[in-house]
Protein backbone atom coordinates (compact mmCIF):
# COMPACT_ATOMS: atom_id res chain seq x y z
CA MET A 1 0.57 19.06 -12.82
CA ARG A 2 3.29 16.73 -11.58
CA ARG A 3 6.21 15.71 -13.78
CA ASN A 4 8.65 12.86 -13.56
CA VAL A 5 11.41 13.54 -11.07
CA SER A 6 14.74 11.76 -11.23
CA VAL A 7 16.23 10.61 -7.94
CA GLN A 8 19.44 8.81 -7.14
CA PRO A 9 18.67 5.18 -6.25
CA GLU A 10 21.89 4.33 -4.39
CA GLU A 11 20.78 4.87 -0.79
CA VAL A 12 17.61 4.44 1.25
CA ASP A 13 17.48 6.02 4.69
CA LEU A 14 14.92 4.20 6.84
CA ARG A 15 14.22 4.68 10.53
CA PRO A 16 13.98 1.55 12.70
CA LEU A 17 10.41 0.44 13.33
CA SER A 18 8.77 1.16 16.67
CA ALA A 19 7.14 -1.66 18.65
CA ARG A 20 3.76 -0.51 17.29
CA SER A 21 5.03 -0.62 13.71
CA VAL A 22 6.52 -4.09 14.20
CA VAL A 23 3.19 -5.41 15.50
CA LEU A 24 1.25 -3.78 12.66
CA SER A 25 3.68 -5.04 10.03
CA LEU A 26 3.31 -8.60 11.31
CA LEU A 27 -0.48 -8.50 11.62
CA LEU A 28 -1.04 -6.70 8.30
CA GLY A 29 0.91 -9.47 6.60
CA ALA A 30 -0.87 -12.29 8.46
CA HIS A 31 -4.01 -14.11 7.30
CA PRO A 32 -6.00 -14.16 9.50
CA PRO A 33 -4.62 -10.89 10.98
CA GLU A 34 -4.70 -11.89 14.63
CA MET A 35 -2.37 -13.58 17.09
CA PRO A 36 -2.36 -14.63 20.76
CA VAL A 37 -0.13 -12.60 23.04
CA LYS A 38 2.18 -15.56 23.67
CA ASP A 39 2.77 -15.93 19.93
CA LEU A 40 3.26 -12.20 19.48
CA VAL A 41 5.92 -12.24 22.20
CA ARG A 42 7.85 -14.89 20.25
CA ALA A 43 7.17 -13.23 16.90
CA VAL A 44 8.52 -9.77 17.80
CA GLU A 45 11.63 -10.98 19.65
CA PRO A 46 13.81 -11.32 16.49
CA PHE A 47 12.98 -7.68 15.70
CA GLY A 48 14.36 -6.37 18.99
CA VAL A 49 11.05 -5.88 20.83
CA GLY A 50 10.94 -7.23 24.38
CA GLY A 51 7.90 -8.67 26.13
CA SER A 52 7.24 -5.70 28.43
CA THR A 53 7.63 -3.25 25.53
CA LEU A 54 5.24 -5.35 23.44
CA ARG A 55 2.57 -5.49 26.14
CA ALA A 56 2.73 -1.73 26.65
CA ALA A 57 2.40 -1.21 22.89
CA LEU A 58 -0.55 -3.62 22.67
CA SER A 59 -2.36 -1.78 25.46
CA ARG A 60 -1.87 1.59 23.77
CA MET A 61 -2.92 0.21 20.38
CA ALA A 62 -6.10 -1.32 21.79
CA THR A 63 -6.98 1.96 23.51
CA ALA A 64 -6.33 3.89 20.28
CA GLY A 65 -8.59 1.57 18.28
CA ASP A 66 -5.79 0.00 16.23
CA LEU A 67 -6.41 -3.46 17.65
CA ARG A 68 -9.32 -5.41 19.03
CA ARG A 69 -8.86 -7.97 21.81
CA ALA A 70 -10.75 -11.18 22.46
CA ASP A 71 -9.42 -12.99 25.52
CA SER A 72 -5.66 -13.15 24.90
CA VAL A 73 -5.87 -12.76 21.11
CA TYR A 74 -5.18 -9.42 19.42
CA GLY A 75 -6.38 -8.67 15.90
CA LEU A 76 -6.64 -5.71 13.57
CA SER A 77 -9.52 -3.28 14.01
CA ASP A 78 -12.00 -2.74 11.18
CA ARG A 79 -10.12 0.38 10.09
CA LEU A 80 -6.87 -1.55 9.80
CA LEU A 81 -8.60 -4.50 8.14
CA ALA A 82 -9.48 -2.04 5.36
CA ARG A 83 -5.81 -1.05 5.23
CA GLN A 84 -4.84 -4.72 4.96
CA ARG A 85 -7.20 -5.14 2.00
CA ARG A 86 -5.54 -2.15 0.29
CA GLN A 87 -2.14 -3.63 1.05
CA ASP A 88 -3.11 -7.03 -0.32
CA ASP A 89 -4.45 -5.35 -3.45
CA ALA A 90 -1.19 -3.43 -3.82
CA VAL A 91 0.81 -6.66 -3.69
CA HIS A 92 -1.61 -8.59 -5.90
CA PRO A 93 -3.50 -6.01 -8.00
CA ARG A 94 -6.44 -7.31 -10.02
CA THR A 95 -5.99 -6.17 -13.59
CA ARG A 96 -7.34 -6.87 -17.06
CA ALA A 97 -5.96 -6.39 -20.55
CA TRP A 98 -6.05 -2.74 -21.51
CA SER A 99 -8.27 -1.76 -24.44
CA GLY A 100 -7.00 1.81 -24.64
CA ASP A 101 -9.90 3.29 -22.66
CA TRP A 102 -9.36 5.52 -19.63
CA GLU A 103 -11.52 5.91 -16.55
CA MET A 104 -12.45 9.53 -15.92
CA VAL A 105 -14.03 10.82 -12.71
CA VAL A 106 -15.48 14.32 -12.67
CA ILE A 107 -16.33 15.86 -9.29
CA THR A 108 -19.90 17.11 -9.43
CA ALA A 109 -20.66 17.92 -5.77
CA THR A 110 -20.34 21.53 -4.64
CA GLY A 111 -20.24 23.29 -1.31
CA ARG A 112 -17.88 20.84 0.37
CA GLY A 113 -15.43 22.08 2.99
CA PRO A 114 -11.62 21.74 2.83
CA ALA A 115 -11.60 18.56 4.95
CA GLU A 116 -14.16 16.84 2.71
CA ARG A 117 -12.28 17.87 -0.42
CA ALA A 118 -9.00 16.58 1.01
CA GLU A 119 -10.62 13.29 1.99
CA LEU A 120 -12.03 12.82 -1.52
CA ARG A 121 -8.64 13.56 -3.07
CA ALA A 122 -7.06 10.96 -0.79
CA ARG A 123 -9.72 8.40 -1.72
CA LEU A 124 -9.25 8.94 -5.45
CA THR A 125 -5.49 8.77 -5.08
CA ALA A 126 -5.85 5.48 -3.19
CA LEU A 127 -7.96 4.22 -6.10
CA ARG A 128 -4.91 5.01 -8.28
CA PHE A 129 -6.41 8.00 -10.09
CA ALA A 130 -4.35 11.09 -10.87
CA GLU A 131 -5.72 14.62 -11.23
CA LEU A 132 -5.57 16.00 -14.77
CA ARG A 133 -6.94 19.37 -13.65
CA GLU A 134 -9.16 20.64 -10.85
CA GLY A 135 -12.01 18.16 -10.38
CA VAL A 136 -11.03 15.83 -13.26
CA TRP A 137 -9.28 12.56 -12.46
CA LEU A 138 -7.97 9.92 -14.88
CA ARG A 139 -6.42 6.49 -15.07
CA PRO A 140 -6.25 3.70 -17.65
CA ALA A 141 -9.22 1.33 -17.43
CA ASN A 142 -7.17 -1.77 -16.61
CA LEU A 143 -8.19 -2.38 -13.00
CA LEU A 144 -10.88 -4.87 -12.00
CA ARG A 145 -12.79 -2.83 -9.45
CA PRO A 146 -15.91 -0.65 -9.43
CA LEU A 147 -15.99 2.84 -7.96
CA PRO A 148 -17.20 2.80 -4.34
CA GLU A 149 -20.84 3.86 -4.03
CA ASP A 150 -20.04 6.75 -1.71
CA ILE A 151 -17.76 8.31 -4.33
CA GLU A 152 -20.47 8.00 -6.96
CA THR A 153 -22.64 10.30 -4.81
CA VAL A 154 -20.19 13.20 -5.29
CA ALA A 155 -18.64 12.37 -8.68
CA GLN A 156 -19.60 11.08 -12.11
CA GLY A 157 -17.62 8.35 -13.82
CA TYR A 158 -16.98 8.21 -17.56
CA SER A 159 -15.06 6.20 -20.12
CA ALA A 160 -12.73 8.29 -22.27
CA ARG A 161 -10.10 8.08 -25.01
CA PRO A 162 -7.80 11.10 -24.69
CA ASP A 163 -6.21 12.44 -27.85
CA ARG A 164 -2.85 12.72 -26.09
CA PRO A 165 -0.58 9.65 -26.54
CA GLY A 166 -0.98 7.26 -23.59
CA PRO A 167 2.68 7.10 -22.48
CA GLU A 168 2.98 10.88 -22.63
CA LEU A 169 -0.21 11.36 -20.62
CA ALA A 170 0.81 8.79 -18.01
CA ALA A 171 4.20 10.47 -17.58
CA ALA A 172 2.44 13.80 -16.99
CA LEU A 173 0.01 12.36 -14.45
CA TRP A 174 2.42 10.27 -12.35
CA PRO A 175 6.08 10.73 -11.30
CA LEU A 176 7.05 7.46 -12.97
CA ASP A 177 10.82 8.01 -13.08
CA GLY A 178 10.88 8.89 -9.39
CA TRP A 179 8.73 5.89 -8.46
CA ALA A 180 10.92 3.50 -10.42
CA ALA A 181 14.12 4.92 -8.92
CA ARG A 182 12.75 4.54 -5.40
CA ALA A 183 11.63 0.97 -6.16
CA ARG A 184 15.11 0.02 -7.39
CA ALA A 185 16.66 1.63 -4.32
CA LEU A 186 14.37 -0.41 -2.06
CA LEU A 187 15.17 -3.62 -3.95
CA ALA A 188 18.88 -2.97 -3.45
CA HIS A 189 18.32 -2.14 0.22
CA VAL A 190 16.39 -5.32 1.09
CA ALA A 191 18.88 -7.43 -0.88
CA ARG A 192 21.68 -6.09 1.38
CA ALA A 193 19.73 -6.31 4.65
CA ASP A 194 20.54 -9.41 6.66
CA ARG A 195 19.31 -8.69 10.22
CA PRO A 196 15.60 -9.53 10.80
CA ALA A 197 14.82 -6.01 12.06
CA ASP A 198 16.46 -4.41 9.03
CA ARG A 199 14.61 -6.71 6.65
CA LEU A 200 11.26 -5.98 8.30
CA THR A 201 11.95 -2.25 8.16
CA GLY A 202 12.92 -2.49 4.50
CA PHE A 203 9.91 -4.51 3.47
CA ALA A 204 7.55 -2.24 5.41
CA ALA A 205 8.89 0.54 3.18
CA VAL A 206 8.38 -1.71 0.14
CA VAL A 207 4.69 -2.12 0.99
CA ARG A 208 4.24 1.62 1.47
CA HIS A 209 5.80 2.20 -1.92
CA LEU A 210 3.63 -0.42 -3.61
CA LEU A 211 0.56 1.40 -2.29
CA THR A 212 1.57 4.35 -4.49
CA ASP A 213 2.16 2.31 -7.66
CA PRO A 214 -0.40 3.49 -10.27
CA VAL A 215 -0.52 -0.08 -11.68
CA LEU A 216 -0.48 1.08 -15.29
CA PRO A 217 -0.75 -1.21 -18.34
CA PRO A 218 2.61 -2.40 -19.71
CA GLU A 219 1.94 -0.35 -22.85
CA LEU A 220 2.38 2.84 -20.80
CA LEU A 221 5.51 1.82 -18.90
CA ALA A 222 9.21 1.53 -19.64
CA PRO A 223 10.33 -2.05 -20.41
CA ASP A 224 12.39 -2.16 -17.19
CA TRP A 225 9.57 -0.95 -14.90
CA PRO A 226 10.36 -2.54 -11.49
CA GLY A 227 6.80 -2.94 -10.16
CA ALA A 228 6.55 -6.70 -10.74
CA GLU A 229 10.02 -7.29 -9.28
CA LEU A 230 9.14 -5.31 -6.16
CA ARG A 231 5.91 -7.28 -5.72
CA ALA A 232 7.72 -10.59 -6.16
CA ALA A 233 10.34 -9.61 -3.58
CA TYR A 234 7.63 -8.76 -1.04
CA ALA A 235 5.70 -11.98 -1.77
CA ASP A 236 8.90 -13.96 -1.13
CA TYR A 237 9.35 -12.10 2.16
CA GLN A 238 5.77 -12.87 3.20
CA ARG A 239 6.51 -16.57 2.69
CA GLU A 240 9.73 -16.16 4.66
CA LEU A 241 7.85 -14.59 7.58
CA ALA A 242 5.09 -17.21 7.45
CA ALA A 243 7.73 -19.89 7.97
CA THR A 244 9.06 -18.23 11.12
CA VAL A 245 6.09 -16.37 12.67
CA PRO A 246 3.49 -18.52 14.48
CA GLN A 247 0.26 -18.74 12.48
CA HIS A 248 -2.96 -18.40 14.45
CA HIS A 249 -5.96 -20.51 13.48
CA PRO A 250 -9.21 -19.21 15.03
CA ARG A 251 -11.50 -21.69 16.70
CA SER A 252 -14.65 -22.42 14.70
């Protein structure tokens, strides 16, 4: 069982983004997530990516199935469109007032191999569940989303009210202190960053961190929980990018 882990928030060590990561960061934050090559050339220039480097990256990404191409327009593949939906949900999670109930998922399928078990664990983690013990996953019932049908074929969902106090249980299930410390470190990092490439790198890390936020009810969090501040900072950055990156409007 994981416990809270304290980390020092003073420094964040981030590697510069590759050309592929720059393209993905721009397209994952764009709606619709596609852009003509000529606009991509202009869009990536402030981040230190030249035209020839961009075109080589686009070719590799299309071959790898990261991007689809229609004429001179590149857009996210279906797999990465699903990632964009998860990212959008991380920035703007759909929640409801918490009644005190918890969602509980109990794995009922047997005979699955290691790869299938690992995939299911990753899926449940992405749905912001945490494992209480082997095969039993929990989270507060404050999210507006049903369980995917494919998960319901291997697991059974329940509503529960654990006897253990909610804040104590949440602290045992998620490394809340560590998450908050990392969030504050990222906020400080992006506040200091002034070069476009450094800001993009910092906010790419912000999005990755938001994907791991358990999105708990306020009743289970410390009063200074930085989740909302981190989301607001990224939303401001999205607006900043939208004002500088060409926006593509598909033909009807």
